[in-house]
Amino acid sequence: MLRGSRRLARTLVLMCLVAPLAACFGDPEASPVGFVNTGGQAAAVIPACADEDVLSLAVDDDPYDEAGSLKPESDTLWKVSDPRQPRSTGPFVIGDTSPWRTESTALNGELPNSYMLSIETTRRLATSHFDKTRVASLGDREVLIDGEVGSLKDLAKRWGC
């Protein structure tokens, strides 16, 4: 009985020590891109976690058709690597002000009303579905995270920051 209690206590202590450490690095499986409305322009935001840097951005055709079925394949509509270089204003914002980084990347041509946006960082690949009408309806300080309206704090928590 005493031996079982010690094992349980040791397990609980390890869980309390390891869980916060794991949260510092975030969960690569649960790293959505957040979307905000900045004066009528949609912007994608991600938290600046520790030493995580952005490597690339990609816009892919919506993988689902109008009926909600998965298409056999989807095309990459636009991609940029090394988005930390200075660029002209565009719809994607990735931060610089703690804990958020801000950087705009120009897009060539019109994008469809819905698509998949992927942001690759040094630690993870963040992917989220973008819907222009949902983002346009967001208010100040609201962030669209995986189809749900939340805050920047909620997004940082999902990333483990």
Protein backbone atom coordinates (compact mmCIF):
# COMPACT_ATOMS: atom_id res chain seq x y z
CA MET A 1 0.00 0.00 0.00
CA LEU A 2 2.77 2.44 0.99
CA ARG A 3 4.81 1.49 -2.09
CA GLY A 4 1.81 2.20 -4.35
CA SER A 5 1.30 5.59 -2.70
CA ARG A 6 4.95 6.49 -3.26
CA ARG A 7 4.72 5.54 -6.93
CA LEU A 8 1.59 7.61 -7.33
CA ALA A 9 3.24 10.59 -5.59
CA ARG A 10 6.36 10.26 -7.78
CA THR A 11 4.23 10.07 -10.91
CA LEU A 12 2.27 13.18 -9.92
CA VAL A 13 5.46 15.13 -9.20
CA LEU A 14 6.91 14.14 -12.58
CA MET A 15 3.69 15.14 -14.32
CA CYS A 16 3.75 18.53 -12.60
CA LEU A 17 7.37 19.09 -13.66
CA VAL A 18 7.20 17.76 -17.22
CA ALA A 19 3.80 19.14 -18.31
CA PRO A 20 4.74 22.83 -17.97
CA LEU A 21 8.04 22.16 -19.75
CA ALA A 22 6.22 20.50 -22.65
CA ALA A 23 3.80 23.44 -22.80
CA CYS A 24 6.74 25.80 -23.39
CA PHE A 25 7.37 24.16 -26.74
CA GLY A 26 3.71 23.96 -27.73
CA ASP A 27 1.88 21.12 -29.35
CA PRO A 28 2.83 20.77 -33.02
CA GLU A 29 -0.48 18.97 -33.61
CA ALA A 30 -2.54 21.90 -32.24
CA SER A 31 -0.95 24.97 -33.80
CA PRO A 32 -3.61 26.87 -35.70
CA VAL A 33 -3.11 30.13 -37.54
CA GLY A 34 -5.26 32.94 -36.15
CA PHE A 35 -7.05 35.37 -38.45
CA VAL A 36 -7.87 38.97 -37.55
CA ASN A 37 -9.65 41.83 -39.30
CA THR A 38 -7.35 44.86 -39.56
CA GLY A 39 -9.41 47.69 -40.96
CA GLY A 40 -11.21 45.54 -43.51
CA GLN A 41 -8.10 43.58 -44.44
CA ALA A 42 -7.64 39.99 -43.29
CA ALA A 43 -4.40 39.23 -41.50
CA ALA A 44 -2.96 35.94 -40.28
CA VAL A 45 -1.30 36.00 -36.88
CA ILE A 46 0.78 33.50 -34.95
CA PRO A 47 2.41 33.94 -31.55
CA ALA A 48 6.17 34.46 -31.38
CA CYS A 49 7.08 31.51 -29.16
CA ALA A 50 10.61 31.68 -27.73
CA ASP A 51 13.14 31.33 -30.56
CA GLU A 52 10.63 30.20 -33.17
CA ASP A 53 11.13 31.87 -36.56
CA VAL A 54 8.88 31.84 -39.62
CA LEU A 55 10.33 29.92 -42.56
CA SER A 56 7.55 30.08 -45.15
CA LEU A 57 3.92 30.89 -45.92
CA ALA A 58 1.73 28.99 -48.37
CA VAL A 59 -1.81 29.42 -49.64
CA ASP A 60 -3.40 26.24 -50.97
CA ASP A 61 -6.70 25.80 -52.75
CA ASP A 62 -9.50 24.79 -50.38
CA PRO A 63 -9.20 20.99 -50.07
CA TYR A 64 -13.00 20.64 -49.73
CA ASP A 65 -15.62 21.09 -52.42
CA GLU A 66 -19.00 22.85 -51.95
CA ALA A 67 -20.56 19.61 -50.65
CA GLY A 68 -17.87 19.31 -47.96
CA SER A 69 -16.14 16.33 -49.56
CA LEU A 70 -12.36 16.13 -49.73
CA LYS A 71 -11.03 16.89 -53.23
CA PRO A 72 -8.58 14.36 -54.71
CA GLU A 73 -5.90 17.08 -54.85
CA SER A 74 -5.54 20.80 -54.21
CA ASP A 75 -3.17 23.29 -55.83
CA THR A 76 -0.73 25.64 -54.15
CA LEU A 77 -1.95 29.09 -55.16
CA TRP A 78 0.91 31.09 -53.66
CA LYS A 79 4.03 30.45 -51.58
CA VAL A 80 6.87 32.53 -50.18
CA SER A 81 9.96 31.35 -48.34
CA ASP A 82 11.93 33.49 -45.91
CA PRO A 83 9.04 35.92 -45.25
CA ARG A 84 11.20 37.85 -42.76
CA GLN A 85 12.59 39.97 -45.62
CA PRO A 86 10.95 43.42 -45.87
CA ARG A 87 7.96 43.35 -48.21
CA SER A 88 5.15 45.68 -49.18
CA THR A 89 1.83 45.63 -47.34
CA GLY A 90 -0.36 42.58 -47.85
CA PRO A 91 -2.87 40.42 -46.04
CA PHE A 92 -0.50 38.39 -43.87
CA VAL A 93 0.82 39.70 -40.61
CA ILE A 94 3.37 37.80 -38.56
CA GLY A 95 4.74 39.71 -35.62
CA ASP A 96 7.53 41.79 -34.11
CA THR A 97 5.94 43.27 -31.02
CA SER A 98 6.22 40.94 -28.05
CA PRO A 99 4.66 38.40 -27.86
CA TRP A 100 3.53 38.89 -31.49
CA ARG A 101 5.62 39.45 -34.57
CA THR A 102 4.43 41.70 -37.36
CA GLU A 103 5.40 41.40 -40.96
CA SER A 104 3.36 41.95 -44.07
CA THR A 105 3.71 39.93 -47.23
CA ALA A 106 2.22 41.07 -50.53
CA LEU A 107 0.19 38.66 -52.62
CA ASN A 108 -0.05 38.72 -56.38
CA GLY A 109 -3.62 38.58 -57.65
CA GLU A 110 -6.92 37.84 -55.97
CA LEU A 111 -7.41 34.94 -53.60
CA PRO A 112 -10.59 32.87 -53.40
CA ASN A 113 -13.05 33.39 -50.55
CA SER A 114 -11.79 30.29 -48.77
CA TYR A 115 -8.45 28.50 -48.79
CA MET A 116 -5.91 26.79 -46.54
CA LEU A 117 -3.08 28.88 -45.12
CA SER A 118 0.09 27.20 -43.87
CA ILE A 119 2.85 28.91 -41.92
CA GLU A 120 5.99 26.87 -41.35
CA THR A 121 8.17 27.83 -38.40
CA THR A 122 11.39 26.36 -37.09
CA ARG A 123 9.34 24.08 -34.80
CA ARG A 124 6.00 23.36 -36.44
CA LEU A 125 3.66 23.67 -39.37
CA ALA A 126 0.58 25.74 -38.53
CA THR A 127 -2.35 25.26 -40.90
CA SER A 128 -5.83 26.74 -40.81
CA HIS A 129 -8.81 27.16 -43.10
CA PHE A 130 -9.48 30.77 -44.12
CA ASP A 131 -13.00 32.05 -44.83
CA LYS A 132 -13.13 35.67 -46.00
CA THR A 133 -16.72 36.30 -44.81
CA ARG A 134 -16.02 34.96 -41.30
CA VAL A 135 -12.89 37.10 -40.93
CA ALA A 136 -14.69 40.20 -42.26
CA SER A 137 -17.26 39.90 -39.46
CA LEU A 138 -14.65 39.90 -36.66
CA GLY A 139 -14.57 42.79 -34.22
CA ASP A 140 -11.62 44.50 -32.52
CA ARG A 141 -9.35 42.12 -30.60
CA GLU A 142 -11.24 39.07 -31.93
CA VAL A 143 -9.30 36.24 -33.57
CA LEU A 144 -10.71 33.41 -35.67
CA ILE A 145 -9.05 30.20 -34.43
CA ASP A 146 -10.08 26.95 -36.13
CA GLY A 147 -13.50 28.40 -36.95
CA GLU A 148 -14.12 29.71 -33.42
CA VAL A 149 -13.91 33.35 -32.31
CA GLY A 150 -11.36 33.86 -29.53
CA SER A 151 -8.58 36.19 -28.44
CA LEU A 152 -4.84 36.50 -29.04
CA LYS A 153 -4.39 35.01 -25.57
CA ASP A 154 -6.42 31.95 -26.63
CA LEU A 155 -4.21 31.50 -29.69
CA ALA A 156 -1.02 31.76 -27.61
CA LYS A 157 -2.41 29.15 -25.22
CA ARG A 158 -3.11 26.77 -28.15
CA TRP A 159 0.53 27.17 -29.19
CA GLY A 160 1.81 26.58 -25.67
CA CYS A 161 3.30 30.08 -25.31
